């Protein structure tokens, strides 16, 4: 990745980067727990479970712990995981977008990127069945001709597959793109794929400090990201 390569495409994470969807995700996660005779968890705890896709969110919520890696596994158990997953999907479908809000600076930032002629794509670990409805509900669908979801490729972020797929669909090389997200998953996926990487500090990042990420910059809002990209391209 070289600085003299102009950026022509921007690949944006969804949850925690474009949209604060934690209220809806938490409502569905706790509805699942109550249905399975478990007490609800706090919003702050559930927020740390978001980032690696629905299956991880379900498994972590069932276990009440961030430190659950295998999918599926023996703890909390395959049967419980299957019932929990079905329950979460049902509850989330009912509330997806109800309380979700677009972060400050997102609309303005996306418009500034469009004004620069940049190609835009969403790259998210959220399943397809929930991604399109959420983008439409919050008014962002029209910005993104390309949307790569958690079930689009064989592997999800932090693996690079989705980022590479988005670049291919946009017709750009990874070195011509920048990945923008809020978490280690986004940073690793973009870096491994060969894009530049920017991070926003207001997202989830599974409870970790965003300032520890291997990125090319941390931008307060997407308006700042648009300015950074403009400066990069002016220097080429």
C-alpha atoms as a PDB file:
ATOM      1  CA  UNK A   1       0.000   0.000   0.000  1.00  0.00           C
ATOM      2  CA  UNK A   2       1.624   3.227  -1.163  1.00  0.00           C
ATOM      3  CA  UNK A   3       0.649   6.806  -0.530  1.00  0.00           C
ATOM      4  CA  UNK A   4       0.949   7.743  -4.213  1.00  0.00           C
ATOM      5  CA  UNK A   5      -1.971   5.444  -5.067  1.00  0.00           C
ATOM      6  CA  UNK A   6      -5.164   7.533  -5.117  1.00  0.00           C
ATOM      7  CA  UNK A   7      -8.178   6.366  -3.147  1.00  0.00           C
ATOM      8  CA  UNK A   8     -11.170   5.786  -5.394  1.00  0.00           C
ATOM      9  CA  UNK A   9     -13.379   3.600  -3.179  1.00  0.00           C
ATOM     10  CA  UNK A  10     -14.555   3.621   0.435  1.00  0.00           C
ATOM     11  CA  UNK A  11     -15.678   0.450   2.224  1.00  0.00           C
ATOM     12  CA  UNK A  12     -17.723   1.208   5.327  1.00  0.00           C
ATOM     13  CA  UNK A  13     -18.754  -0.955   8.238  1.00  0.00           C
ATOM     14  CA  UNK A  14     -22.409  -0.655   9.292  1.00  0.00           C
ATOM     15  CA  UNK A  15     -23.049  -1.286  13.002  1.00  0.00           C
ATOM     16  CA  UNK A  16     -20.981   1.089  15.113  1.00  0.00           C
ATOM     17  CA  UNK A  17     -19.708   3.063  12.116  1.00  0.00           C
ATOM     18  CA  UNK A  18     -22.726   4.269  10.159  1.00  0.00           C
ATOM     19  CA  UNK A  19     -25.512   3.363  12.570  1.00  0.00           C
ATOM     20  CA  UNK A  20     -25.908   2.947  16.314  1.00  0.00           C
ATOM     21  CA  UNK A  21     -27.944  -0.247  16.273  1.00  0.00           C
ATOM     22  CA  UNK A  22     -27.182  -1.385  19.820  1.00  0.00           C
ATOM     23  CA  UNK A  23     -30.665  -0.535  21.199  1.00  0.00           C
ATOM     24  CA  UNK A  24     -32.351  -2.855  18.688  1.00  0.00           C
ATOM     25  CA  UNK A  25     -29.735  -5.602  18.973  1.00  0.00           C
ATOM     26  CA  UNK A  26     -29.900  -5.473  22.766  1.00  0.00           C
ATOM     27  CA  UNK A  27     -33.692  -5.599  22.760  1.00  0.00           C
ATOM     28  CA  UNK A  28     -33.654  -8.720  20.579  1.00  0.00           C
ATOM     29  CA  UNK A  29     -30.822 -10.316  22.559  1.00  0.00           C
ATOM     30  CA  UNK A  30     -32.600  -9.806  25.867  1.00  0.00           C
ATOM     31  CA  UNK A  31     -35.918 -10.978  24.422  1.00  0.00           C
ATOM     32  CA  UNK A  32     -34.093 -14.165  23.437  1.00  0.00           C
ATOM     33  CA  UNK A  33     -32.688 -14.584  26.948  1.00  0.00           C
ATOM     34  CA  UNK A  34     -36.088 -14.016  28.577  1.00  0.00           C
ATOM     35  CA  UNK A  35     -37.695 -16.513  26.204  1.00  0.00           C
ATOM     36  CA  UNK A  36     -35.082 -19.048  27.305  1.00  0.00           C
ATOM     37  CA  UNK A  37     -35.665 -18.297  31.016  1.00  0.00           C
ATOM     38  CA  UNK A  38     -32.506 -16.224  31.450  1.00  0.00           C
ATOM     39  CA  UNK A  39     -32.314 -12.784  33.071  1.00  0.00           C
ATOM     40  CA  UNK A  40     -31.657  -9.826  30.744  1.00  0.00           C
ATOM     41  CA  UNK A  41     -28.194  -8.296  30.440  1.00  0.00           C
ATOM     42  CA  UNK A  42     -27.196  -4.628  30.575  1.00  0.00           C
ATOM     43  CA  UNK A  43     -26.880  -2.557  27.412  1.00  0.00           C
ATOM     44  CA  UNK A  44     -23.212  -1.854  28.083  1.00  0.00           C
ATOM     45  CA  UNK A  45     -22.429  -5.565  28.332  1.00  0.00           C
ATOM     46  CA  UNK A  46     -24.350  -6.484  25.197  1.00  0.00           C
ATOM     47  CA  UNK A  47     -22.604  -3.723  23.249  1.00  0.00           C
ATOM     48  CA  UNK A  48     -19.284  -5.518  23.737  1.00  0.00           C
ATOM     49  CA  UNK A  49     -20.725  -8.666  22.136  1.00  0.00           C
ATOM     50  CA  UNK A  50     -21.284  -6.979  18.748  1.00  0.00           C
ATOM     51  CA  UNK A  51     -18.773  -7.141  15.910  1.00  0.00           C
ATOM     52  CA  UNK A  52     -18.247 -10.658  14.584  1.00  0.00           C
ATOM     53  CA  UNK A  53     -21.757 -11.297  13.295  1.00  0.00           C
ATOM     54  CA  UNK A  54     -25.064 -12.650  14.519  1.00  0.00           C
ATOM     55  CA  UNK A  55     -23.874 -16.117  15.539  1.00  0.00           C
ATOM     56  CA  UNK A  56     -21.195 -14.697  17.827  1.00  0.00           C
ATOM     57  CA  UNK A  57     -23.665 -12.223  19.287  1.00  0.00           C
ATOM     58  CA  UNK A  58     -26.134 -15.021  20.039  1.00  0.00           C
ATOM     59  CA  UNK A  59     -23.505 -17.297  21.531  1.00  0.00           C
ATOM     60  CA  UNK A  60     -21.949 -14.560  23.653  1.00  0.00           C
ATOM     61  CA  UNK A  61     -25.377 -13.438  24.848  1.00  0.00           C
ATOM     62  CA  UNK A  62     -26.331 -16.972  25.834  1.00  0.00           C
ATOM     63  CA  UNK A  63     -23.054 -17.430  27.698  1.00  0.00           C
ATOM     64  CA  UNK A  64     -23.177 -13.929  29.174  1.00  0.00           C
ATOM     65  CA  UNK A  65     -19.528 -13.539  28.225  1.00  0.00           C
ATOM     66  CA  UNK A  66     -17.431 -11.962  25.488  1.00  0.00           C
ATOM     67  CA  UNK A  67     -14.887 -14.774  25.716  1.00  0.00           C
ATOM     68  CA  UNK A  68     -16.670 -17.396  23.643  1.00  0.00           C
ATOM     69  CA  UNK A  69     -14.841 -18.395  20.481  1.00  0.00           C
ATOM     70  CA  UNK A  70     -16.019 -21.740  19.084  1.00  0.00           C
ATOM     71  CA  UNK A  71     -19.174 -21.795  16.919  1.00  0.00           C
ATOM     72  CA  UNK A  72     -21.164 -23.764  17.730  1.00  0.00           C
ATOM     73  CA  UNK A  73     -19.826 -25.701  20.699  1.00  0.00           C
ATOM     74  CA  UNK A  74     -20.544 -27.493  23.923  1.00  0.00           C
ATOM     75  CA  UNK A  75     -21.020 -24.387  26.052  1.00  0.00           C
ATOM     76  CA  UNK A  76     -23.804 -23.214  26.107  1.00  0.00           C
ATOM     77  CA  UNK A  77     -24.541 -26.271  23.954  1.00  0.00           C
ATOM     78  CA  UNK A  78     -25.572 -26.959  20.386  1.00  0.00           C
ATOM     79  CA  UNK A  79     -29.272 -27.310  21.096  1.00  0.00           C
ATOM     80  CA  UNK A  80     -29.447 -24.153  23.165  1.00  0.00           C
ATOM     81  CA  UNK A  81     -27.456 -22.277  20.514  1.00  0.00           C
ATOM     82  CA  UNK A  82     -29.876 -23.393  17.783  1.00  0.00           C
ATOM     83  CA  UNK A  83     -32.912 -22.354  19.841  1.00  0.00           C
ATOM     84  CA  UNK A  84     -31.292 -19.084  20.783  1.00  0.00           C
ATOM     85  CA  UNK A  85     -30.346 -18.280  17.193  1.00  0.00           C
ATOM     86  CA  UNK A  86     -33.890 -18.903  15.971  1.00  0.00           C
ATOM     87  CA  UNK A  87     -35.281 -16.799  18.804  1.00  0.00           C
ATOM     88  CA  UNK A  88     -32.901 -13.900  18.183  1.00  0.00           C
ATOM     89  CA  UNK A  89     -33.662 -13.846  14.458  1.00  0.00           C
ATOM     90  CA  UNK A  90     -37.377 -13.741  15.149  1.00  0.00           C
ATOM     91  CA  UNK A  91     -37.126 -10.961  17.720  1.00  0.00           C
ATOM     92  CA  UNK A  92     -34.608  -8.880  15.771  1.00  0.00           C
ATOM     93  CA  UNK A  93     -36.737  -8.999  12.634  1.00  0.00           C
ATOM     94  CA  UNK A  94     -39.498  -7.307  14.653  1.00  0.00           C
ATOM     95  CA  UNK A  95     -37.338  -4.428  15.962  1.00  0.00           C
ATOM     96  CA  UNK A  96     -34.610  -3.968  13.314  1.00  0.00           C
ATOM     97  CA  UNK A  97     -34.331  -0.222  12.811  1.00  0.00           C
ATOM     98  CA  UNK A  98     -36.894   0.787  15.443  1.00  0.00           C
ATOM     99  CA  UNK A  99     -34.411   2.580  17.704  1.00  0.00           C
ATOM    100  CA  UNK A 100     -31.333   2.613  15.471  1.00  0.00           C
ATOM    101  CA  UNK A 101     -29.903   6.052  14.715  1.00  0.00           C
ATOM    102  CA  UNK A 102     -27.441   7.348  12.141  1.00  0.00           C
ATOM    103  CA  UNK A 103     -24.336   8.761  13.779  1.00  0.00           C
ATOM    104  CA  UNK A 104     -23.555  12.475  13.553  1.00  0.00           C
ATOM    105  CA  UNK A 105     -21.590  13.367  10.445  1.00  0.00           C
ATOM    106  CA  UNK A 106     -22.492  10.235   8.498  1.00  0.00           C
ATOM    107  CA  UNK A 107     -24.867  11.779   5.961  1.00  0.00           C
ATOM    108  CA  UNK A 108     -22.610  14.777   5.437  1.00  0.00           C
ATOM    109  CA  UNK A 109     -19.541  12.561   5.190  1.00  0.00           C
ATOM    110  CA  UNK A 110     -21.105  10.243   2.635  1.00  0.00           C
ATOM    111  CA  UNK A 111     -22.210  13.210   0.537  1.00  0.00           C
ATOM    112  CA  UNK A 112     -18.711  14.679   0.691  1.00  0.00           C
ATOM    113  CA  UNK A 113     -17.300  11.354  -0.487  1.00  0.00           C
ATOM    114  CA  UNK A 114     -19.794  11.234  -3.330  1.00  0.00           C
ATOM    115  CA  UNK A 115     -18.830  14.786  -4.290  1.00  0.00           C
ATOM    116  CA  UNK A 116     -15.234  13.557  -4.615  1.00  0.00           C
ATOM    117  CA  UNK A 117     -16.428  10.863  -7.032  1.00  0.00           C
ATOM    118  CA  UNK A 118     -15.590   8.042  -4.625  1.00  0.00           C
ATOM    119  CA  UNK A 119     -17.279   4.667  -4.978  1.00  0.00           C
ATOM    120  CA  UNK A 120     -19.056   3.545  -1.797  1.00  0.00           C
ATOM    121  CA  UNK A 121     -19.811   0.107  -0.383  1.00  0.00           C
ATOM    122  CA  UNK A 122     -21.018  -1.322   2.903  1.00  0.00           C
ATOM    123  CA  UNK A 123     -19.034  -4.270   4.260  1.00  0.00           C
ATOM    124  CA  UNK A 124     -20.755  -5.704   7.315  1.00  0.00           C
ATOM    125  CA  UNK A 125     -20.902  -8.916   9.318  1.00  0.00           C
ATOM    126  CA  UNK A 126     -24.667  -8.452   9.664  1.00  0.00           C
ATOM    127  CA  UNK A 127     -26.696 -11.067   7.728  1.00  0.00           C
ATOM    128  CA  UNK A 128     -28.302 -10.038   4.429  1.00  0.00           C
ATOM    129  CA  UNK A 129     -31.818 -10.483   5.795  1.00  0.00           C
ATOM    130  CA  UNK A 130     -31.239  -7.630   8.264  1.00  0.00           C
ATOM    131  CA  UNK A 131     -28.775  -5.386   6.399  1.00  0.00           C
ATOM    132  CA  UNK A 132     -30.978  -4.187   3.547  1.00  0.00           C
ATOM    133  CA  UNK A 133     -33.984  -3.421   5.769  1.00  0.00           C
ATOM    134  CA  UNK A 134     -31.804  -1.504   8.242  1.00  0.00           C
ATOM    135  CA  UNK A 135     -30.141   0.598   5.538  1.00  0.00           C
ATOM    136  CA  UNK A 136     -33.533   1.397   4.074  1.00  0.00           C
ATOM    137  CA  UNK A 137     -35.108   2.151   7.438  1.00  0.00           C
ATOM    138  CA  UNK A 138     -32.421   4.690   8.397  1.00  0.00           C
ATOM    139  CA  UNK A 139     -32.297   6.270   4.940  1.00  0.00           C
ATOM    140  CA  UNK A 140     -28.810   5.174   3.866  1.00  0.00           C
ATOM    141  CA  UNK A 141     -29.584   2.568   1.196  1.00  0.00           C
ATOM    142  CA  UNK A 142     -29.294   5.019  -1.688  1.00  0.00           C
ATOM    143  CA  UNK A 143     -25.648   5.756  -0.956  1.00  0.00           C
ATOM    144  CA  UNK A 144     -24.432   2.202  -1.535  1.00  0.00           C
ATOM    145  CA  UNK A 145     -24.564   0.429  -4.909  1.00  0.00           C
ATOM    146  CA  UNK A 146     -22.581  -2.437  -3.360  1.00  0.00           C
ATOM    147  CA  UNK A 147     -23.433  -4.120  -0.044  1.00  0.00           C
ATOM    148  CA  UNK A 148     -21.418  -7.101   1.207  1.00  0.00           C
ATOM    149  CA  UNK A 149     -22.984  -8.891   4.167  1.00  0.00           C
ATOM    150  CA  UNK A 150     -21.945 -11.484   6.692  1.00  0.00           C
ATOM    151  CA  UNK A 151     -23.299 -14.320   4.590  1.00  0.00           C
ATOM    152  CA  UNK A 152     -22.040 -13.034   1.220  1.00  0.00           C
ATOM    153  CA  UNK A 153     -18.635 -14.714   1.418  1.00  0.00           C
ATOM    154  CA  UNK A 154     -17.312 -17.909   2.944  1.00  0.00           C
ATOM    155  CA  UNK A 155     -15.579 -15.985   5.745  1.00  0.00           C
ATOM    156  CA  UNK A 156     -16.449 -12.791   7.594  1.00  0.00           C
ATOM    157  CA  UNK A 157     -14.344  -9.977   9.034  1.00  0.00           C
ATOM    158  CA  UNK A 158     -11.690 -10.074  10.486  1.00  0.00           C
ATOM    159  CA  UNK A 159     -10.858 -12.265   7.459  1.00  0.00           C
ATOM    160  CA  UNK A 160     -10.295 -10.206   4.290  1.00  0.00           C
ATOM    161  CA  UNK A 161     -12.760 -12.051   2.017  1.00  0.00           C
ATOM    162  CA  UNK A 162     -15.567  -9.478   2.206  1.00  0.00           C
ATOM    163  CA  UNK A 163     -13.230  -6.543   1.636  1.00  0.00           C
ATOM    164  CA  UNK A 164     -11.689  -8.213  -1.405  1.00  0.00           C
ATOM    165  CA  UNK A 165     -15.157  -9.094  -2.716  1.00  0.00           C
ATOM    166  CA  UNK A 166     -16.322  -5.492  -2.333  1.00  0.00           C
ATOM    167  CA  UNK A 167     -13.258  -4.234  -4.213  1.00  0.00           C
ATOM    168  CA  UNK A 168     -13.925  -6.705  -6.996  1.00  0.00           C
ATOM    169  CA  UNK A 169     -17.561  -5.643  -7.300  1.00  0.00           C
ATOM    170  CA  UNK A 170     -16.557  -1.964  -7.361  1.00  0.00           C
ATOM    171  CA  UNK A 171     -13.867  -2.672  -9.958  1.00  0.00           C
ATOM    172  CA  UNK A 172     -10.971  -1.345  -7.895  1.00  0.00           C
ATOM    173  CA  UNK A 173      -7.737  -2.756  -6.537  1.00  0.00           C
ATOM    174  CA  UNK A 174      -7.452  -2.993  -2.741  1.00  0.00           C
ATOM    175  CA  UNK A 175      -4.654  -0.398  -2.801  1.00  0.00           C
ATOM    176  CA  UNK A 176      -7.186   2.045  -4.286  1.00  0.00           C
ATOM    177  CA  UNK A 177      -9.629   1.595  -1.392  1.00  0.00           C
ATOM    178  CA  UNK A 178      -9.920   2.587   2.240  1.00  0.00           C
ATOM    179  CA  UNK A 179     -11.756   0.544   4.853  1.00  0.00           C
ATOM    180  CA  UNK A 180     -13.531   2.546   7.558  1.00  0.00           C
ATOM    181  CA  UNK A 181     -14.820   0.860  10.693  1.00  0.00           C
ATOM    182  CA  UNK A 182     -15.001   0.951  14.453  1.00  0.00           C
ATOM    183  CA  UNK A 183     -13.355  -2.313  15.457  1.00  0.00           C
ATOM    184  CA  UNK A 184     -10.424  -4.684  15.311  1.00  0.00           C
ATOM    185  CA  UNK A 185     -12.440  -6.817  12.883  1.00  0.00           C
ATOM    186  CA  UNK A 186     -12.597  -3.959  10.372  1.00  0.00           C
ATOM    187  CA  UNK A 187      -8.966  -2.974  10.848  1.00  0.00           C
ATOM    188  CA  UNK A 188      -7.649  -6.511  10.402  1.00  0.00           C
ATOM    189  CA  UNK A 189      -9.853  -7.218   7.388  1.00  0.00           C
ATOM    190  CA  UNK A 190      -8.849  -4.021   5.621  1.00  0.00           C
ATOM    191  CA  UNK A 191      -5.172  -4.307   6.471  1.00  0.00           C
ATOM    192  CA  UNK A 192      -4.942  -7.963   5.399  1.00  0.00           C
ATOM    193  CA  UNK A 193      -6.787  -7.218   2.157  1.00  0.00           C
ATOM    194  CA  UNK A 194      -4.341  -4.413   1.356  1.00  0.00           C
ATOM    195  CA  UNK A 195      -6.531  -1.327   1.753  1.00  0.00           C
ATOM    196  CA  UNK A 196      -5.831   1.731   3.827  1.00  0.00           C
ATOM    197  CA  UNK A 197      -7.715   1.772   7.108  1.00  0.00           C
ATOM    198  CA  UNK A 198      -9.440   4.510   9.092  1.00  0.00           C
ATOM    199  CA  UNK A 199     -11.280   4.048  12.373  1.00  0.00           C
ATOM    200  CA  UNK A 200     -14.002   5.979  14.167  1.00  0.00           C
ATOM    201  CA  UNK A 201     -13.832   6.182  17.975  1.00  0.00           C
ATOM    202  CA  UNK A 202     -17.544   6.059  18.810  1.00  0.00           C
ATOM    203  CA  UNK A 203     -18.384   2.460  17.927  1.00  0.00           C
ATOM    204  CA  UNK A 204     -18.238  -0.845  19.789  1.00  0.00           C
ATOM    205  CA  UNK A 205     -14.896  -2.662  19.186  1.00  0.00           C
ATOM    206  CA  UNK A 206     -15.824  -5.481  21.577  1.00  0.00           C
ATOM    207  CA  UNK A 207     -14.827  -3.434  24.620  1.00  0.00           C
ATOM    208  CA  UNK A 208     -11.316  -2.642  23.353  1.00  0.00           C
ATOM    209  CA  UNK A 209      -9.692   0.768  22.995  1.00  0.00           C
ATOM    210  CA  UNK A 210      -9.890   1.883  19.354  1.00  0.00           C
ATOM    211  CA  UNK A 211      -6.607   3.759  19.775  1.00  0.00           C
ATOM    212  CA  UNK A 212      -4.751   0.435  19.962  1.00  0.00           C
ATOM    213  CA  UNK A 213      -5.768  -0.541  16.427  1.00  0.00           C
ATOM    214  CA  UNK A 214      -3.345  -0.773  13.501  1.00  0.00           C
ATOM    215  CA  UNK A 215      -4.898   1.956  11.327  1.00  0.00           C
ATOM    216  CA  UNK A 216      -3.806   4.874   9.165  1.00  0.00           C
ATOM    217  CA  UNK A 217      -5.809   7.326  11.214  1.00  0.00           C
ATOM    218  CA  UNK A 218      -8.660   7.780  13.666  1.00  0.00           C
ATOM    219  CA  UNK A 219     -11.345  10.223  12.527  1.00  0.00           C
ATOM    220  CA  UNK A 220     -13.951  11.746  14.862  1.00  0.00           C
ATOM    221  CA  UNK A 221     -16.677  11.564  12.199  1.00  0.00           C
ATOM    222  CA  UNK A 222     -17.114  10.530   8.564  1.00  0.00           C
ATOM    223  CA  UNK A 223     -16.873  14.184   7.549  1.00  0.00           C
ATOM    224  CA  UNK A 224     -13.302  14.062   8.843  1.00  0.00           C
ATOM    225  CA  UNK A 225     -12.705  10.832   6.923  1.00  0.00           C
ATOM    226  CA  UNK A 226     -13.776  12.564   3.707  1.00  0.00           C
ATOM    227  CA  UNK A 227     -11.273  15.339   4.407  1.00  0.00           C
ATOM    228  CA  UNK A 228      -8.472  12.846   5.088  1.00  0.00           C
ATOM    229  CA  UNK A 229      -9.170  11.065   1.794  1.00  0.00           C
ATOM    230  CA  UNK A 230      -9.204  14.384  -0.049  1.00  0.00           C
ATOM    231  CA  UNK A 231      -5.797  15.257   1.426  1.00  0.00           C
ATOM    232  CA  UNK A 232      -4.407  11.844   0.481  1.00  0.00           C
ATOM    233  CA  UNK A 233      -5.593  12.261  -3.089  1.00  0.00           C
ATOM    234  CA  UNK A 234      -4.342  15.827  -3.317  1.00  0.00           C
ATOM    235  CA  UNK A 235      -0.882  14.545  -2.372  1.00  0.00           C
ATOM    236  CA  UNK A 236      -0.777  11.977  -5.179  1.00  0.00           C
END
